[in-house]
Amino acid sequence: MTPEGSSDRLVPIPGDVIRQSFPGADDLERSVALLRQVASGEGPQRLLRLYTPAPTLALTRRESLMPGYDIAVAAAERLGFTPAIRPTGGRAAAYDETCLVFDLVEREESHADPTALFAQAGRTIVDALRGLGVDARLGEVPGEYCPGEYSINARGSVKLVGTSQRGVRGARLLSGMLAFGPVNRFVAVLTEANAALGLEWDPRTFGSMLTEAPGISREDVEEALAAAPIV
């Protein structure tokens, strides 16, 4: 659920920033609704959504079928995270109101190959963060949560941003998350959830802007992403 008063920014590409609030709206359902809207031909051909999430352990549909899923869900709830099935792929990700989540939605005709979208968006996010002074790089860090070839890391040591996708006929959604605060509670819930699911990961690889670039604000990153030619 989106925290009361949080800002959900829809950024058409190109276009002006549109600010909207959705108190009480379900963030993951909102992502799917935007995907379907773009696929139907309504609204802009591409848009970027930036929002503040509530504490969530976002699991994948594949993980929901694995032994230990119920134990992972119980751990999330005990540690203050709402378990949810996210519409994209990958593996479990944890985030809260100290994080920035973004959804890039675009017509399928622009990127029929999902790998091309991963690569292009990854390079653009790296460039945006480097422009702010972050030692950002494209590539997986061994042992990272939700591992992926097109993760964005810092210094080649910690994961800063992970991206995942979902496609429907006519449109594609790419989502990602960046932490700005302490990571201890994320490490705690992912450690228990991954152990329950029988998945290995290295807690030392969870990165945050708090340690990598404490002088850079969330607003700085939002503006950099909104101005970046992601697609």
C-alpha atoms as a PDB file:
ATOM      1  CA  MET A   1       0.000   0.000   0.000  1.00  0.00           C
ATOM      2  CA  THR A   2       1.210   3.492  -0.752  1.00  0.00           C
ATOM      3  CA  PRO A   3       1.857   5.572   2.397  1.00  0.00           C
ATOM      4  CA  GLU A   4      -0.685   8.334   3.060  1.00  0.00           C
ATOM      5  CA  GLY A   5       0.355  11.501   1.261  1.00  0.00           C
ATOM      6  CA  SER A   6       3.099   9.886  -0.791  1.00  0.00           C
ATOM      7  CA  SER A   7       3.767  11.138  -4.285  1.00  0.00           C
ATOM      8  CA  ASP A   8       3.220   8.987  -7.348  1.00  0.00           C
ATOM      9  CA  ARG A   9       4.830  10.808 -10.266  1.00  0.00           C
ATOM     10  CA  LEU A  10       3.939   9.910 -13.816  1.00  0.00           C
ATOM     11  CA  VAL A  11       6.515  11.188 -16.257  1.00  0.00           C
ATOM     12  CA  PRO A  12       5.507  10.932 -19.933  1.00  0.00           C
ATOM     13  CA  ILE A  13       8.551  10.659 -22.208  1.00  0.00           C
ATOM     14  CA  PRO A  14       8.862  13.302 -23.531  1.00  0.00           C
ATOM     15  CA  GLY A  15       6.534  15.556 -21.533  1.00  0.00           C
ATOM     16  CA  ASP A  16       5.947  17.391 -18.293  1.00  0.00           C
ATOM     17  CA  VAL A  17       6.071  15.779 -14.866  1.00  0.00           C
ATOM     18  CA  ILE A  18       2.572  14.885 -13.687  1.00  0.00           C
ATOM     19  CA  ARG A  19       2.169  14.589  -9.901  1.00  0.00           C
ATOM     20  CA  GLN A  20      -0.544  12.347  -8.521  1.00  0.00           C
ATOM     21  CA  SER A  21      -1.167  10.801  -5.106  1.00  0.00           C
ATOM     22  CA  PHE A  22      -2.759   7.422  -4.566  1.00  0.00           C
ATOM     23  CA  PRO A  23      -3.161   7.006  -0.799  1.00  0.00           C
ATOM     24  CA  GLY A  24      -4.220   3.481  -0.064  1.00  0.00           C
ATOM     25  CA  ALA A  25      -3.702   2.280  -3.648  1.00  0.00           C
ATOM     26  CA  ASP A  26      -1.913  -0.983  -4.216  1.00  0.00           C
ATOM     27  CA  ASP A  27       1.418  -0.175  -5.853  1.00  0.00           C
ATOM     28  CA  LEU A  28       1.855  -3.422  -7.766  1.00  0.00           C
ATOM     29  CA  GLU A  29      -1.696  -3.374  -9.104  1.00  0.00           C
ATOM     30  CA  ARG A  30      -1.116   0.221 -10.210  1.00  0.00           C
ATOM     31  CA  SER A  31       1.920  -0.946 -12.194  1.00  0.00           C
ATOM     32  CA  VAL A  32      -0.151  -3.546 -14.028  1.00  0.00           C
ATOM     33  CA  ALA A  33      -2.932  -1.025 -14.677  1.00  0.00           C
ATOM     34  CA  LEU A  34      -0.457   1.357 -16.308  1.00  0.00           C
ATOM     35  CA  LEU A  35       0.954  -1.478 -18.403  1.00  0.00           C
ATOM     36  CA  ARG A  36      -2.502  -2.339 -19.690  1.00  0.00           C
ATOM     37  CA  GLN A  37      -3.314   1.322 -20.303  1.00  0.00           C
ATOM     38  CA  VAL A  38      -0.247   1.815 -22.484  1.00  0.00           C
ATOM     39  CA  ALA A  39      -0.892  -1.493 -24.267  1.00  0.00           C
ATOM     40  CA  SER A  40      -4.435  -0.381 -25.129  1.00  0.00           C
ATOM     41  CA  GLY A  41      -3.145   2.763 -26.834  1.00  0.00           C
ATOM     42  CA  GLU A  42      -4.474   5.113 -24.163  1.00  0.00           C
ATOM     43  CA  GLY A  43      -2.167   7.838 -22.867  1.00  0.00           C
ATOM     44  CA  PRO A  44       1.489   8.333 -23.843  1.00  0.00           C
ATOM     45  CA  GLN A  45       3.530   5.777 -25.748  1.00  0.00           C
ATOM     46  CA  ARG A  46       6.068   5.713 -22.917  1.00  0.00           C
ATOM     47  CA  LEU A  47       5.886   6.828 -19.323  1.00  0.00           C
ATOM     48  CA  LEU A  48       8.040   6.706 -16.217  1.00  0.00           C
ATOM     49  CA  ARG A  49       6.396   6.313 -12.822  1.00  0.00           C
ATOM     50  CA  LEU A  50       8.328   7.220  -9.665  1.00  0.00           C
ATOM     51  CA  TYR A  51       6.876   6.340  -6.275  1.00  0.00           C
ATOM     52  CA  THR A  52       7.502   5.759  -2.582  1.00  0.00           C
ATOM     53  CA  PRO A  53       6.508   2.228  -1.553  1.00  0.00           C
ATOM     54  CA  ALA A  54       5.250   0.847   1.736  1.00  0.00           C
ATOM     55  CA  PRO A  55       7.348  -1.894   3.422  1.00  0.00           C
ATOM     56  CA  THR A  56       6.987  -4.834   1.051  1.00  0.00           C
ATOM     57  CA  LEU A  57       8.608  -8.178   0.388  1.00  0.00           C
ATOM     58  CA  ALA A  58       7.888  -8.551  -3.329  1.00  0.00           C
ATOM     59  CA  LEU A  59       8.048 -12.209  -4.261  1.00  0.00           C
ATOM     60  CA  THR A  60       7.649 -13.697  -7.706  1.00  0.00           C
ATOM     61  CA  ARG A  61       4.958 -16.080  -8.848  1.00  0.00           C
ATOM     62  CA  ARG A  62       7.605 -18.740  -9.284  1.00  0.00           C
ATOM     63  CA  GLU A  63       8.675 -18.351  -5.645  1.00  0.00           C
ATOM     64  CA  SER A  64       5.066 -18.652  -4.513  1.00  0.00           C
ATOM     65  CA  LEU A  65       5.126 -22.242  -5.786  1.00  0.00           C
ATOM     66  CA  MET A  66       8.354 -23.187  -4.010  1.00  0.00           C
ATOM     67  CA  PRO A  67       8.587 -25.168  -0.779  1.00  0.00           C
ATOM     68  CA  GLY A  68       9.125 -22.756   2.083  1.00  0.00           C
ATOM     69  CA  TYR A  69       7.002 -19.977   0.608  1.00  0.00           C
ATOM     70  CA  ASP A  70       4.654 -19.913   3.605  1.00  0.00           C
ATOM     71  CA  ILE A  71       7.641 -19.653   5.936  1.00  0.00           C
ATOM     72  CA  ALA A  72       9.028 -16.747   3.875  1.00  0.00           C
ATOM     73  CA  VAL A  73       5.653 -14.983   4.043  1.00  0.00           C
ATOM     74  CA  ALA A  74       5.459 -15.459   7.811  1.00  0.00           C
ATOM     75  CA  ALA A  75       8.976 -14.052   8.210  1.00  0.00           C
ATOM     76  CA  ALA A  76       8.073 -10.993   6.140  1.00  0.00           C
ATOM     77  CA  GLU A  77       4.998 -10.283   8.226  1.00  0.00           C
ATOM     78  CA  ARG A  78       6.871 -10.763  11.498  1.00  0.00           C
ATOM     79  CA  LEU A  79       9.558  -8.317  10.370  1.00  0.00           C
ATOM     80  CA  GLY A  80       7.077  -5.647   9.309  1.00  0.00           C
ATOM     81  CA  PHE A  81       6.902  -6.251   5.545  1.00  0.00           C
ATOM     82  CA  THR A  82       3.748  -6.966   3.575  1.00  0.00           C
ATOM     83  CA  PRO A  83       4.324 -10.007   1.339  1.00  0.00           C
ATOM     84  CA  ALA A  84       3.090  -9.529  -2.223  1.00  0.00           C
ATOM     85  CA  ILE A  85       3.408 -11.239  -5.586  1.00  0.00           C
ATOM     86  CA  ARG A  86       4.946  -8.820  -8.031  1.00  0.00           C
ATOM     87  CA  PRO A  87       3.939  -8.787 -11.695  1.00  0.00           C
ATOM     88  CA  THR A  88       7.513  -9.033 -12.995  1.00  0.00           C
ATOM     89  CA  GLY A  89      10.082 -11.814 -12.855  1.00  0.00           C
ATOM     90  CA  GLY A  90      13.323 -12.315 -10.965  1.00  0.00           C
ATOM     91  CA  ARG A  91      13.548 -13.156  -7.275  1.00  0.00           C
ATOM     92  CA  ALA A  92      12.435 -11.648  -3.975  1.00  0.00           C
ATOM     93  CA  ALA A  93      13.114  -7.952  -3.369  1.00  0.00           C
ATOM     94  CA  ALA A  94      12.530  -5.971  -0.165  1.00  0.00           C
ATOM     95  CA  TYR A  95      11.851  -2.248   0.059  1.00  0.00           C
ATOM     96  CA  ASP A  96      10.113   0.385   2.199  1.00  0.00           C
ATOM     97  CA  GLU A  97       9.369   4.103   2.353  1.00  0.00           C
ATOM     98  CA  THR A  98      13.094   4.925   2.367  1.00  0.00           C
ATOM     99  CA  CYS A  99      13.342   3.572  -1.192  1.00  0.00           C
ATOM    100  CA  LEU A 100      12.530   4.869  -4.653  1.00  0.00           C
ATOM    101  CA  VAL A 101      10.664   2.500  -6.967  1.00  0.00           C
ATOM    102  CA  PHE A 102      10.283   3.237 -10.669  1.00  0.00           C
ATOM    103  CA  ASP A 103       8.173   1.746 -13.440  1.00  0.00           C
ATOM    104  CA  LEU A 104       9.077   2.320 -17.071  1.00  0.00           C
ATOM    105  CA  VAL A 105       6.168   1.414 -19.351  1.00  0.00           C
ATOM    106  CA  GLU A 106       6.411   1.531 -23.144  1.00  0.00           C
ATOM    107  CA  ARG A 107       4.746   0.223 -26.247  1.00  0.00           C
ATOM    108  CA  GLU A 108       6.026  -3.209 -27.233  1.00  0.00           C
ATOM    109  CA  GLU A 109       6.875  -2.089 -30.765  1.00  0.00           C
ATOM    110  CA  SER A 110       9.805  -0.073 -29.401  1.00  0.00           C
ATOM    111  CA  HIS A 111      11.522  -2.991 -27.640  1.00  0.00           C
ATOM    112  CA  ALA A 112      10.275  -6.371 -28.856  1.00  0.00           C
ATOM    113  CA  ASP A 113      13.433  -7.924 -27.383  1.00  0.00           C
ATOM    114  CA  PRO A 114      13.299  -7.747 -23.552  1.00  0.00           C
ATOM    115  CA  THR A 115      17.070  -8.062 -23.359  1.00  0.00           C
ATOM    116  CA  ALA A 116      17.460  -4.868 -25.376  1.00  0.00           C
ATOM    117  CA  LEU A 117      15.265  -2.982 -22.907  1.00  0.00           C
ATOM    118  CA  PHE A 118      17.208  -4.360 -19.935  1.00  0.00           C
ATOM    119  CA  ALA A 119      20.496  -3.291 -21.507  1.00  0.00           C
ATOM    120  CA  GLN A 120      19.363   0.150 -22.671  1.00  0.00           C
ATOM    121  CA  ALA A 121      17.630   1.033 -19.407  1.00  0.00           C
ATOM    122  CA  GLY A 122      20.578  -0.295 -17.411  1.00  0.00           C
ATOM    123  CA  ARG A 123      23.104   1.813 -19.326  1.00  0.00           C
ATOM    124  CA  THR A 124      20.940   4.900 -18.992  1.00  0.00           C
ATOM    125  CA  ILE A 125      20.467   4.469 -15.242  1.00  0.00           C
ATOM    126  CA  VAL A 126      24.217   3.963 -14.840  1.00  0.00           C
ATOM    127  CA  ASP A 127      24.870   7.186 -16.769  1.00  0.00           C
ATOM    128  CA  ALA A 128      22.305   9.079 -14.676  1.00  0.00           C
ATOM    129  CA  LEU A 129      23.887   7.924 -11.413  1.00  0.00           C
ATOM    130  CA  ARG A 130      27.401   8.610 -12.664  1.00  0.00           C
ATOM    131  CA  GLY A 131      26.280  12.109 -13.526  1.00  0.00           C
ATOM    132  CA  LEU A 132      25.486  12.522  -9.833  1.00  0.00           C
ATOM    133  CA  GLY A 133      28.922  11.281  -8.797  1.00  0.00           C
ATOM    134  CA  VAL A 134      28.091   7.643  -8.022  1.00  0.00           C
ATOM    135  CA  ASP A 135      30.580   4.956  -9.113  1.00  0.00           C
ATOM    136  CA  ALA A 136      27.766   3.085 -10.866  1.00  0.00           C
ATOM    137  CA  ARG A 137      28.400   0.136 -13.170  1.00  0.00           C
ATOM    138  CA  LEU A 138      26.285  -2.312 -15.135  1.00  0.00           C
ATOM    139  CA  GLY A 139      26.508  -5.960 -14.160  1.00  0.00           C
ATOM    140  CA  GLU A 140      25.732  -8.583 -11.567  1.00  0.00           C
ATOM    141  CA  VAL A 141      27.545  -8.710  -8.230  1.00  0.00           C
ATOM    142  CA  PRO A 142      28.209 -12.307  -7.130  1.00  0.00           C
ATOM    143  CA  GLY A 143      25.793 -13.251  -4.369  1.00  0.00           C
ATOM    144  CA  GLU A 144      23.378 -10.343  -4.904  1.00  0.00           C
ATOM    145  CA  TYR A 145      19.661 -10.566  -4.148  1.00  0.00           C
ATOM    146  CA  CYS A 146      17.459 -11.080  -7.234  1.00  0.00           C
ATOM    147  CA  PRO A 147      20.552 -11.649  -9.417  1.00  0.00           C
ATOM    148  CA  GLY A 148      20.581 -10.362 -12.970  1.00  0.00           C
ATOM    149  CA  GLU A 149      23.027  -9.592 -15.740  1.00  0.00           C
ATOM    150  CA  TYR A 150      21.728  -6.028 -16.008  1.00  0.00           C
ATOM    151  CA  SER A 151      21.756  -5.073 -12.338  1.00  0.00           C
ATOM    152  CA  ILE A 152      23.292  -1.700 -11.511  1.00  0.00           C
ATOM    153  CA  ASN A 153      26.049  -1.945  -8.927  1.00  0.00           C
ATOM    154  CA  ALA A 154      28.413   0.423  -7.138  1.00  0.00           C
ATOM    155  CA  ARG A 155      32.160  -0.115  -7.344  1.00  0.00           C
ATOM    156  CA  GLY A 156      31.557  -3.654  -8.582  1.00  0.00           C
ATOM    157  CA  SER A 157      30.860  -4.577  -4.945  1.00  0.00           C
ATOM    158  CA  VAL A 158      27.230  -3.885  -3.974  1.00  0.00           C
ATOM    159  CA  LYS A 159      23.948  -3.945  -5.835  1.00  0.00           C
ATOM    160  CA  LEU A 160      22.209  -0.571  -6.059  1.00  0.00           C
ATOM    161  CA  VAL A 161      19.387  -1.187  -8.540  1.00  0.00           C
ATOM    162  CA  GLY A 162      17.754  -4.336  -9.778  1.00  0.00           C
ATOM    163  CA  THR A 163      15.370  -4.353 -12.732  1.00  0.00           C
ATOM    164  CA  SER A 164      12.700  -6.830 -13.763  1.00  0.00           C
ATOM    165  CA  GLN A 165      10.168  -6.993 -16.582  1.00  0.00           C
ATOM    166  CA  ARG A 166       6.716  -8.049 -17.619  1.00  0.00           C
ATOM    167  CA  GLY A 167       5.329  -7.965 -21.128  1.00  0.00           C
ATOM    168  CA  VAL A 168       1.762  -8.062 -22.439  1.00  0.00           C
ATOM    169  CA  ARG A 169       0.571  -7.751 -26.013  1.00  0.00           C
ATOM    170  CA  GLY A 170       1.365  -4.187 -27.028  1.00  0.00           C
ATOM    171  CA  ALA A 171       3.453  -3.016 -24.069  1.00  0.00           C
ATOM    172  CA  ARG A 172       6.261  -3.839 -21.660  1.00  0.00           C
ATOM    173  CA  LEU A 173       6.909  -2.888 -18.037  1.00  0.00           C
ATOM    174  CA  LEU A 174      10.383  -2.539 -16.524  1.00  0.00           C
ATOM    175  CA  SER A 175      10.534  -1.941 -12.763  1.00  0.00           C
ATOM    176  CA  GLY A 176      13.416  -1.157 -10.445  1.00  0.00           C
ATOM    177  CA  MET A 177      14.241  -0.094  -6.886  1.00  0.00           C
ATOM    178  CA  LEU A 178      16.936   2.028  -5.231  1.00  0.00           C
ATOM    179  CA  ALA A 179      17.461   2.256  -1.450  1.00  0.00           C
ATOM    180  CA  PHE A 180      18.364   5.530   0.251  1.00  0.00           C
ATOM    181  CA  GLY A 181      18.437   4.508   3.914  1.00  0.00           C
ATOM    182  CA  PRO A 182      19.936   1.810   6.145  1.00  0.00           C
ATOM    183  CA  VAL A 183      19.685  -1.697   4.715  1.00  0.00           C
ATOM    184  CA  ASN A 184      19.638  -3.723   7.938  1.00  0.00           C
ATOM    185  CA  ARG A 185      15.911  -4.484   7.839  1.00  0.00           C
ATOM    186  CA  PHE A 186      16.095  -5.487   4.162  1.00  0.00           C
ATOM    187  CA  VAL A 187      18.999  -7.790   4.881  1.00  0.00           C
ATOM    188  CA  ALA A 188      17.091  -9.356   7.773  1.00  0.00           C
ATOM    189  CA  VAL A 189      13.944 -10.154   5.807  1.00  0.00           C
ATOM    190  CA  LEU A 190      15.794 -11.337   2.689  1.00  0.00           C
ATOM    191  CA  THR A 191      18.041 -13.562   4.791  1.00  0.00           C
ATOM    192  CA  GLU A 192      15.051 -15.330   6.316  1.00  0.00           C
ATOM    193  CA  ALA A 193      12.997 -15.435   3.116  1.00  0.00           C
ATOM    194  CA  ASN A 194      15.808 -16.759   0.941  1.00  0.00           C
ATOM    195  CA  ALA A 195      16.714 -19.354   3.564  1.00  0.00           C
ATOM    196  CA  ALA A 196      13.097 -20.531   3.639  1.00  0.00           C
ATOM    197  CA  LEU A 197      13.067 -20.781  -0.162  1.00  0.00           C
ATOM    198  CA  GLY A 198      16.438 -22.538  -0.289  1.00  0.00           C
ATOM    199  CA  LEU A 199      18.079 -19.687  -2.208  1.00  0.00           C
ATOM    200  CA  GLU A 200      21.589 -18.444  -1.503  1.00  0.00           C
ATOM    201  CA  TRP A 201      22.686 -14.817  -1.343  1.00  0.00           C
ATOM    202  CA  ASP A 202      25.381 -12.662   0.260  1.00  0.00           C
ATOM    203  CA  PRO A 203      23.898  -9.991   2.596  1.00  0.00           C
ATOM    204  CA  ARG A 204      27.011  -7.841   2.153  1.00  0.00           C
ATOM    205  CA  THR A 205      25.986  -7.093  -1.441  1.00  0.00           C
ATOM    206  CA  PHE A 206      22.892  -5.017  -0.582  1.00  0.00           C
ATOM    207  CA  GLY A 207      23.853  -1.423  -1.411  1.00  0.00           C
ATOM    208  CA  SER A 208      22.291   1.931  -0.574  1.00  0.00           C
ATOM    209  CA  MET A 209      22.780   5.533  -1.574  1.00  0.00           C
ATOM    210  CA  LEU A 210      23.218   6.247   2.139  1.00  0.00           C
ATOM    211  CA  THR A 211      26.668   4.665   2.017  1.00  0.00           C
ATOM    212  CA  GLU A 212      27.568   5.185  -1.627  1.00  0.00           C
ATOM    213  CA  ALA A 213      26.562   8.852  -1.993  1.00  0.00           C
ATOM    214  CA  PRO A 214      25.044  10.273   1.205  1.00  0.00           C
ATOM    215  CA  GLY A 215      25.051  13.809  -0.194  1.00  0.00           C
ATOM    216  CA  ILE A 216      22.714  12.908  -3.052  1.00  0.00           C
ATOM    217  CA  SER A 217      19.025  13.276  -2.266  1.00  0.00           C
ATOM    218  CA  ARG A 218      16.136  11.216  -3.492  1.00  0.00           C
ATOM    219  CA  GLU A 219      14.915  14.293  -5.385  1.00  0.00           C
ATOM    220  CA  ASP A 220      18.286  14.497  -7.178  1.00  0.00           C
ATOM    221  CA  VAL A 221      17.909  10.918  -8.403  1.00  0.00           C
ATOM    222  CA  GLU A 222      14.271  11.392  -9.377  1.00  0.00           C
ATOM    223  CA  GLU A 223      15.136  14.401 -11.502  1.00  0.00           C
ATOM    224  CA  ALA A 224      18.081  12.593 -13.095  1.00  0.00           C
ATOM    225  CA  LEU A 225      15.898   9.640 -14.035  1.00  0.00           C
ATOM    226  CA  ALA A 226      13.064  11.860 -15.266  1.00  0.00           C
ATOM    227  CA  ALA A 227      15.515  13.728 -17.518  1.00  0.00           C
ATOM    228  CA  ALA A 228      17.308  10.620 -18.796  1.00  0.00           C
ATOM    229  CA  PRO A 229      16.547   9.209 -22.257  1.00  0.00           C
ATOM    230  CA  ILE A 230      15.759   5.765 -20.798  1.00  0.00           C
ATOM    231  CA  VAL A 231      14.210   4.484 -24.001  1.00  0.00           C
END
